[in-house]
């Protein structure tokens, strides 16, 4: 039933707690493809004129963040690949919720498996809830896992 599982990760141990659930689902469902996605949106808007060295520094920083994201995802992917799963990795420059929704729709994912950070109150207001946006707007079923607190 779930041939293609999309797994958004942000690099945190909390987000990674969804991985055993993805593994279990993939094993039971005969999943043929797992995609690990990490969003690395630009820190600054493009409407501001960053000239000279500062623009170069920002560009270099974005390239560095994207490479770190790719390295991180490939490390996670290797675990699944060693068990025979087909795993793709994707780094997006879009904001997290938009990246997840866009990828799920344009690449025909059958399920989005995501961990929530469980923020509430002012923290949720300031940072927003990626998981909430995804659940409300996803074109496919969403498995939401609330992870245990990490040390």
N, C-alpha and C. Protein backbone atom coordinates (compact mmCIF):
# COMPACT_ATOMS: atom_id res chain seq x y z
N UNK A 1 0.81 -1.19 0.00
CA UNK A 1 0.00 0.00 0.00
C UNK A 1 0.86 1.26 0.00
N UNK A 2 1.91 1.29 0.80
CA UNK A 2 2.79 2.45 0.85
C UNK A 2 4.07 2.11 0.09
N UNK A 3 4.06 2.35 -1.20
CA UNK A 3 5.22 2.03 -2.03
C UNK A 3 6.32 3.09 -1.92
N UNK A 4 5.92 4.33 -1.65
CA UNK A 4 6.89 5.44 -1.59
C UNK A 4 6.61 6.25 -0.33
N UNK A 5 7.52 6.16 0.63
CA UNK A 5 7.37 6.89 1.90
C UNK A 5 8.30 8.09 1.91
N UNK A 6 7.75 9.26 2.18
CA UNK A 6 8.51 10.49 2.30
C UNK A 6 8.77 10.74 3.78
N UNK A 7 10.04 10.95 4.13
CA UNK A 7 10.43 11.14 5.52
C UNK A 7 11.17 12.47 5.66
N UNK A 8 10.48 13.51 6.13
CA UNK A 8 11.16 14.78 6.36
C UNK A 8 12.00 14.70 7.64
N UNK A 9 13.23 15.18 7.55
CA UNK A 9 14.13 15.20 8.70
C UNK A 9 14.74 16.59 8.82
N UNK A 10 14.97 17.02 10.05
CA UNK A 10 15.60 18.33 10.24
C UNK A 10 16.98 18.22 10.87
N UNK A 11 17.47 17.00 11.01
CA UNK A 11 18.79 16.80 11.58
C UNK A 11 18.80 16.60 13.08
N UNK A 12 17.63 16.70 13.71
CA UNK A 12 17.57 16.57 15.16
C UNK A 12 17.32 15.12 15.58
N UNK A 13 17.79 14.75 16.77
CA UNK A 13 17.49 13.41 17.29
C UNK A 13 15.99 13.18 17.45
N UNK A 14 15.23 14.23 17.75
CA UNK A 14 13.78 14.08 17.87
C UNK A 14 13.18 13.64 16.54
N UNK A 15 13.56 14.30 15.46
CA UNK A 15 13.02 13.97 14.14
C UNK A 15 13.41 12.55 13.72
N UNK A 16 14.60 12.14 14.10
CA UNK A 16 15.09 10.81 13.73
C UNK A 16 14.34 9.68 14.41
N UNK A 17 13.59 9.98 15.46
CA UNK A 17 12.86 8.93 16.15
C UNK A 17 11.73 8.34 15.30
N UNK A 18 11.42 8.96 14.18
CA UNK A 18 10.43 8.39 13.26
C UNK A 18 11.03 7.25 12.44
N UNK A 19 12.35 7.19 12.35
CA UNK A 19 13.00 6.21 11.48
C UNK A 19 12.69 4.75 11.79
N UNK A 20 12.67 4.32 13.06
CA UNK A 20 12.28 2.92 13.31
C UNK A 20 10.85 2.61 12.84
N UNK A 21 9.98 3.58 12.93
CA UNK A 21 8.61 3.39 12.46
C UNK A 21 8.57 3.26 10.94
N UNK A 22 9.38 4.06 10.27
CA UNK A 22 9.48 3.97 8.81
C UNK A 22 10.02 2.60 8.43
N UNK A 23 11.02 2.16 9.16
CA UNK A 23 11.60 0.84 8.88
C UNK A 23 10.54 -0.25 9.01
N UNK A 24 9.78 -0.20 10.10
CA UNK A 24 8.74 -1.20 10.31
C UNK A 24 7.67 -1.16 9.24
N UNK A 25 7.24 0.03 8.88
CA UNK A 25 6.24 0.17 7.81
C UNK A 25 6.78 -0.36 6.49
N UNK A 26 8.00 0.02 6.16
CA UNK A 26 8.59 -0.39 4.89
C UNK A 26 8.69 -1.91 4.81
N UNK A 27 9.07 -2.54 5.91
CA UNK A 27 9.20 -3.99 5.93
C UNK A 27 7.85 -4.68 5.78
N UNK A 28 6.83 -4.13 6.41
CA UNK A 28 5.50 -4.75 6.37
C UNK A 28 4.71 -4.42 5.12
N UNK A 29 4.97 -3.29 4.52
CA UNK A 29 4.17 -2.83 3.39
C UNK A 29 4.79 -3.14 2.04
N UNK A 30 5.99 -3.68 2.02
CA UNK A 30 6.66 -3.93 0.74
C UNK A 30 7.04 -2.64 0.04
N UNK A 31 7.42 -1.64 0.83
CA UNK A 31 7.79 -0.34 0.29
C UNK A 31 8.96 -0.50 -0.67
N UNK A 32 8.87 0.15 -1.82
CA UNK A 32 9.93 0.06 -2.81
C UNK A 32 10.85 1.28 -2.80
N UNK A 33 10.39 2.37 -2.17
CA UNK A 33 11.21 3.59 -2.19
C UNK A 33 10.96 4.42 -0.94
N UNK A 34 12.04 4.91 -0.37
CA UNK A 34 11.98 5.84 0.77
C UNK A 34 12.74 7.09 0.34
N UNK A 35 12.13 8.24 0.55
CA UNK A 35 12.81 9.50 0.27
C UNK A 35 13.00 10.26 1.57
N UNK A 36 14.24 10.63 1.83
CA UNK A 36 14.58 11.44 2.99
C UNK A 36 14.72 12.88 2.51
N UNK A 37 13.99 13.78 3.14
CA UNK A 37 13.95 15.18 2.71
C UNK A 37 14.39 16.10 3.83
N UNK A 38 15.21 17.06 3.48
CA UNK A 38 15.61 18.08 4.44
C UNK A 38 15.48 19.44 3.78
N UNK A 39 14.78 20.35 4.45
CA UNK A 39 14.60 21.70 3.95
C UNK A 39 15.69 22.60 4.53
N UNK A 40 16.32 23.36 3.66
CA UNK A 40 17.33 24.33 4.07
C UNK A 40 16.98 25.65 3.37
N UNK A 41 15.93 26.33 3.88
CA UNK A 41 15.51 27.56 3.22
C UNK A 41 16.53 28.68 3.43
N UNK A 42 16.59 29.60 2.47
CA UNK A 42 17.51 30.73 2.64
C UNK A 42 17.20 31.50 3.91
N UNK A 43 18.24 31.96 4.56
CA UNK A 43 18.08 32.69 5.81
C UNK A 43 17.56 34.10 5.56
N UNK A 44 17.98 34.69 4.46
CA UNK A 44 17.61 36.06 4.14
C UNK A 44 16.70 36.09 2.92
N UNK A 45 15.83 37.07 2.86
CA UNK A 45 14.96 37.22 1.70
C UNK A 45 15.76 37.78 0.54
N UNK A 46 15.28 37.53 -0.68
CA UNK A 46 15.97 38.01 -1.86
C UNK A 46 15.62 39.46 -2.17
N UNK A 47 14.65 40.05 -1.49
CA UNK A 47 14.27 41.42 -1.77
C UNK A 47 15.25 42.43 -1.19
N UNK A 48 16.16 41.98 -0.37
CA UNK A 48 17.16 42.87 0.22
C UNK A 48 18.42 42.80 -0.63
N UNK A 49 19.03 43.94 -0.87
CA UNK A 49 20.24 44.00 -1.67
C UNK A 49 21.46 43.75 -0.79
N UNK A 50 22.04 42.56 -0.91
CA UNK A 50 23.26 42.22 -0.20
C UNK A 50 24.39 42.31 -1.22
N UNK A 51 25.15 43.35 -1.17
CA UNK A 51 26.17 43.53 -2.20
C UNK A 51 27.55 43.16 -1.69
N UNK A 52 28.42 42.92 -2.64
CA UNK A 52 29.82 42.67 -2.35
C UNK A 52 30.08 41.43 -1.55
N UNK A 53 30.98 41.55 -0.62
CA UNK A 53 31.45 40.42 0.19
C UNK A 53 30.33 39.77 0.98
N UNK A 54 29.41 40.59 1.47
CA UNK A 54 28.34 40.02 2.28
C UNK A 54 27.49 39.05 1.47
N UNK A 55 27.17 39.38 0.24
CA UNK A 55 26.39 38.48 -0.62
C UNK A 55 27.17 37.19 -0.86
N UNK A 56 28.47 37.33 -1.06
CA UNK A 56 29.31 36.16 -1.27
C UNK A 56 29.32 35.28 -0.04
N UNK A 57 29.41 35.89 1.14
CA UNK A 57 29.40 35.13 2.38
C UNK A 57 28.08 34.38 2.56
N UNK A 58 26.98 35.04 2.24
CA UNK A 58 25.67 34.41 2.37
C UNK A 58 25.56 33.23 1.42
N UNK A 59 25.99 33.43 0.19
CA UNK A 59 25.95 32.36 -0.80
C UNK A 59 26.80 31.18 -0.36
N UNK A 60 27.99 31.46 0.13
CA UNK A 60 28.87 30.40 0.62
C UNK A 60 28.25 29.66 1.79
N UNK A 61 27.59 30.40 2.68
CA UNK A 61 26.94 29.78 3.84
C UNK A 61 25.82 28.86 3.40
N UNK A 62 25.05 29.28 2.41
CA UNK A 62 23.95 28.44 1.92
C UNK A 62 24.49 27.16 1.29
N UNK A 63 25.55 27.29 0.51
CA UNK A 63 26.17 26.11 -0.11
C UNK A 63 26.66 25.16 0.97
N UNK A 64 27.27 25.71 2.01
CA UNK A 64 27.76 24.88 3.12
C UNK A 64 26.60 24.17 3.82
N UNK A 65 25.52 24.89 4.09
CA UNK A 65 24.35 24.28 4.75
C UNK A 65 23.76 23.18 3.88
N UNK A 66 23.68 23.40 2.58
CA UNK A 66 23.13 22.38 1.68
C UNK A 66 24.02 21.14 1.63
N UNK A 67 25.32 21.36 1.61
CA UNK A 67 26.24 20.20 1.60
C UNK A 67 26.15 19.42 2.91
N UNK A 68 26.06 20.15 4.02
CA UNK A 68 25.91 19.46 5.32
C UNK A 68 24.61 18.67 5.35
N UNK A 69 23.54 19.23 4.80
CA UNK A 69 22.26 18.53 4.75
C UNK A 69 22.37 17.27 3.89
N UNK A 70 23.02 17.38 2.74
CA UNK A 70 23.20 16.22 1.87
C UNK A 70 24.01 15.13 2.56
N UNK A 71 25.07 15.52 3.23
CA UNK A 71 25.91 14.55 3.94
C UNK A 71 25.12 13.85 5.05
N UNK A 72 24.36 14.64 5.78
CA UNK A 72 23.53 14.10 6.85
C UNK A 72 22.53 13.08 6.29
N UNK A 73 21.80 13.47 5.24
CA UNK A 73 20.79 12.58 4.66
C UNK A 73 21.42 11.31 4.10
N UNK A 74 22.57 11.44 3.47
CA UNK A 74 23.23 10.25 2.92
C UNK A 74 23.64 9.29 4.04
N UNK A 75 24.04 9.83 5.18
CA UNK A 75 24.37 8.97 6.32
C UNK A 75 23.17 8.19 6.82
N UNK A 76 22.03 8.86 6.90
CA UNK A 76 20.79 8.19 7.31
C UNK A 76 20.37 7.18 6.25
N UNK A 77 20.47 7.57 4.99
CA UNK A 77 20.06 6.71 3.88
C UNK A 77 20.86 5.41 3.84
N UNK A 78 22.13 5.50 4.17
CA UNK A 78 23.00 4.33 4.10
C UNK A 78 22.49 3.18 4.98
N UNK A 79 21.93 3.51 6.13
CA UNK A 79 21.38 2.48 7.01
C UNK A 79 20.27 1.70 6.32
N UNK A 80 19.38 2.42 5.65
CA UNK A 80 18.29 1.76 4.94
C UNK A 80 18.81 1.01 3.71
N UNK A 81 19.75 1.61 3.01
CA UNK A 81 20.30 0.96 1.81
C UNK A 81 20.99 -0.36 2.16
N UNK A 82 21.65 -0.39 3.30
CA UNK A 82 22.33 -1.62 3.73
C UNK A 82 21.34 -2.75 3.97
N UNK A 83 20.08 -2.41 4.15
CA UNK A 83 19.05 -3.43 4.35
C UNK A 83 18.26 -3.70 3.07
N UNK A 84 18.72 -3.14 1.96
CA UNK A 84 18.12 -3.44 0.67
C UNK A 84 17.05 -2.48 0.18
N UNK A 85 16.82 -1.39 0.88
CA UNK A 85 15.81 -0.43 0.46
C UNK A 85 16.39 0.55 -0.56
N UNK A 86 15.53 0.97 -1.47
CA UNK A 86 15.89 2.04 -2.39
C UNK A 86 15.60 3.35 -1.69
N UNK A 87 16.65 4.15 -1.51
CA UNK A 87 16.50 5.40 -0.77
C UNK A 87 17.05 6.55 -1.59
N UNK A 88 16.24 7.59 -1.69
CA UNK A 88 16.68 8.82 -2.33
C UNK A 88 16.75 9.91 -1.28
N UNK A 89 17.59 10.89 -1.53
CA UNK A 89 17.69 12.03 -0.63
C UNK A 89 17.38 13.29 -1.42
N UNK A 90 16.81 14.26 -0.73
CA UNK A 90 16.43 15.51 -1.38
C UNK A 90 16.66 16.65 -0.41
N UNK A 91 17.37 17.68 -0.86
CA UNK A 91 17.55 18.90 -0.08
C UNK A 91 16.79 19.99 -0.81
N UNK A 92 15.92 20.67 -0.09
CA UNK A 92 15.10 21.71 -0.69
C UNK A 92 15.42 23.07 -0.09
N UNK A 93 15.36 24.10 -0.93
CA UNK A 93 15.58 25.47 -0.47
C UNK A 93 14.27 26.13 -0.05
N UNK A 94 13.18 25.38 -0.11
CA UNK A 94 11.88 25.92 0.28
C UNK A 94 11.71 25.82 1.80
N UNK A 95 10.80 26.62 2.38
CA UNK A 95 10.46 26.42 3.80
C UNK A 95 9.97 24.99 4.00
N UNK A 96 10.18 24.46 5.19
CA UNK A 96 9.97 23.03 5.45
C UNK A 96 8.59 22.51 5.03
N UNK A 97 7.52 23.12 5.51
CA UNK A 97 6.19 22.60 5.18
C UNK A 97 5.94 22.61 3.68
N UNK A 98 6.30 23.69 3.04
CA UNK A 98 6.10 23.80 1.59
C UNK A 98 6.93 22.77 0.84
N UNK A 99 8.16 22.55 1.30
CA UNK A 99 9.03 21.56 0.66
C UNK A 99 8.42 20.16 0.76
N UNK A 100 7.90 19.83 1.92
CA UNK A 100 7.30 18.51 2.14
C UNK A 100 6.08 18.32 1.25
N UNK A 101 5.20 19.30 1.28
CA UNK A 101 3.97 19.21 0.49
C UNK A 101 4.26 19.16 -1.01
N UNK A 102 5.17 20.00 -1.46
CA UNK A 102 5.53 20.03 -2.88
C UNK A 102 6.12 18.70 -3.32
N UNK A 103 7.04 18.17 -2.52
CA UNK A 103 7.68 16.90 -2.89
C UNK A 103 6.66 15.76 -2.90
N UNK A 104 5.84 15.69 -1.88
CA UNK A 104 4.86 14.60 -1.80
C UNK A 104 3.95 14.59 -3.03
N UNK A 105 3.53 15.76 -3.46
CA UNK A 105 2.62 15.84 -4.61
C UNK A 105 3.35 15.59 -5.93
N UNK A 106 4.50 16.21 -6.11
CA UNK A 106 5.17 16.12 -7.40
C UNK A 106 5.91 14.80 -7.63
N UNK A 107 6.16 14.05 -6.56
CA UNK A 107 6.88 12.78 -6.70
C UNK A 107 6.04 11.57 -6.29
N UNK A 108 4.76 11.79 -6.17
CA UNK A 108 3.80 10.70 -5.92
C UNK A 108 4.15 9.85 -4.70
N UNK A 109 4.42 10.50 -3.59
CA UNK A 109 4.62 9.76 -2.34
C UNK A 109 3.27 9.19 -1.92
N UNK A 110 3.29 8.04 -1.28
CA UNK A 110 2.06 7.40 -0.79
C UNK A 110 1.80 7.72 0.67
N UNK A 111 2.84 8.13 1.39
CA UNK A 111 2.74 8.40 2.82
C UNK A 111 3.84 9.37 3.22
N UNK A 112 3.51 10.28 4.12
CA UNK A 112 4.51 11.15 4.74
C UNK A 112 4.63 10.68 6.19
N UNK A 113 5.84 10.34 6.60
CA UNK A 113 6.08 9.92 7.99
C UNK A 113 6.94 11.00 8.64
N UNK A 114 6.39 11.65 9.66
CA UNK A 114 7.06 12.81 10.24
C UNK A 114 6.95 12.77 11.76
N UNK A 115 7.99 13.24 12.40
CA UNK A 115 7.96 13.39 13.86
C UNK A 115 7.66 14.85 14.16
N UNK A 116 6.90 15.07 15.22
CA UNK A 116 6.61 16.43 15.64
C UNK A 116 7.47 16.77 16.84
N UNK A 117 7.83 18.03 16.95
CA UNK A 117 8.62 18.45 18.10
C UNK A 117 7.73 18.72 19.30
N UNK A 118 6.43 18.80 19.09
CA UNK A 118 5.50 18.96 20.21
C UNK A 118 5.57 20.33 20.86
N UNK A 119 5.91 21.35 20.09
CA UNK A 119 5.94 22.69 20.66
C UNK A 119 4.52 23.16 20.95
N UNK A 120 4.41 24.02 21.96
CA UNK A 120 3.12 24.61 22.27
C UNK A 120 3.34 26.04 22.74
N UNK A 121 2.26 26.75 22.92
CA UNK A 121 2.33 28.11 23.44
C UNK A 121 3.09 29.05 22.54
N UNK A 122 3.88 29.92 23.14
CA UNK A 122 4.59 30.96 22.41
C UNK A 122 5.61 30.36 21.45
N UNK A 123 6.23 29.26 21.82
CA UNK A 123 7.20 28.61 20.95
C UNK A 123 6.55 28.20 19.63
N UNK A 124 5.35 27.65 19.71
CA UNK A 124 4.64 27.23 18.51
C UNK A 124 4.23 28.44 17.68
N UNK A 125 3.83 29.51 18.37
CA UNK A 125 3.43 30.72 17.67
C UNK A 125 4.62 31.32 16.92
N UNK A 126 5.78 31.35 17.55
CA UNK A 126 6.97 31.95 16.94
C UNK A 126 7.52 31.08 15.82
N UNK A 127 7.66 29.78 16.06
CA UNK A 127 8.28 28.89 15.09
C UNK A 127 7.28 28.26 14.13
N UNK A 128 6.00 28.29 14.48
CA UNK A 128 5.00 27.63 13.65
C UNK A 128 5.05 26.14 13.83
N UNK A 129 4.13 25.47 13.22
CA UNK A 129 4.13 24.02 13.31
C UNK A 129 4.15 23.44 11.90
N UNK A 130 5.31 22.96 11.51
CA UNK A 130 5.45 22.33 10.21
C UNK A 130 4.52 21.14 10.12
N UNK A 131 4.48 20.34 11.17
CA UNK A 131 3.65 19.14 11.15
C UNK A 131 2.18 19.50 10.98
N UNK A 132 1.72 20.51 11.68
CA UNK A 132 0.32 20.91 11.55
C UNK A 132 -0.01 21.33 10.13
N UNK A 133 0.84 22.11 9.51
CA UNK A 133 0.63 22.53 8.12
C UNK A 133 0.59 21.33 7.19
N UNK A 134 1.50 20.40 7.40
CA UNK A 134 1.57 19.22 6.56
C UNK A 134 0.30 18.38 6.71
N UNK A 135 -0.12 18.15 7.94
CA UNK A 135 -1.32 17.34 8.18
C UNK A 135 -2.54 17.98 7.54
N UNK A 136 -2.66 19.29 7.66
CA UNK A 136 -3.83 19.98 7.12
C UNK A 136 -3.86 20.00 5.60
N UNK A 137 -2.70 20.01 4.95
CA UNK A 137 -2.68 20.23 3.51
C UNK A 137 -2.13 19.08 2.68
N UNK A 138 -1.72 18.02 3.31
CA UNK A 138 -1.06 16.92 2.58
C UNK A 138 -2.00 16.24 1.60
N UNK A 139 -1.47 15.91 0.42
CA UNK A 139 -2.26 15.20 -0.58
C UNK A 139 -2.30 13.69 -0.34
N UNK A 140 -1.59 13.23 0.69
CA UNK A 140 -1.50 11.80 1.00
C UNK A 140 -1.62 11.62 2.52
N UNK A 141 -1.81 10.39 2.99
CA UNK A 141 -1.85 10.16 4.45
C UNK A 141 -0.55 10.59 5.12
N UNK A 142 -0.68 11.01 6.38
CA UNK A 142 0.48 11.45 7.16
C UNK A 142 0.53 10.66 8.45
N UNK A 143 1.66 10.03 8.70
CA UNK A 143 1.92 9.37 9.97
C UNK A 143 2.69 10.35 10.82
N UNK A 144 2.08 10.76 11.95
CA UNK A 144 2.72 11.70 12.85
C UNK A 144 3.14 10.95 14.10
N UNK A 145 4.42 11.08 14.44
CA UNK A 145 4.94 10.42 15.61
C UNK A 145 5.45 11.47 16.58
N UNK A 146 4.98 11.43 17.80
CA UNK A 146 5.48 12.34 18.81
C UNK A 146 6.62 11.63 19.54
N UNK A 147 7.83 12.13 19.34
CA UNK A 147 8.98 11.44 19.91
C UNK A 147 9.11 11.66 21.41
N UNK A 148 9.85 10.76 22.02
CA UNK A 148 10.19 10.90 23.43
C UNK A 148 11.26 11.97 23.54
N UNK A 149 11.30 12.66 24.64
CA UNK A 149 12.33 13.68 24.86
C UNK A 149 13.70 13.01 24.87
N UNK A 150 14.69 13.71 24.32
CA UNK A 150 16.04 13.15 24.31
C UNK A 150 16.85 13.83 25.42
N UNK A 151 17.88 13.16 25.82
CA UNK A 151 18.75 13.69 26.87
C UNK A 151 19.46 14.93 26.39
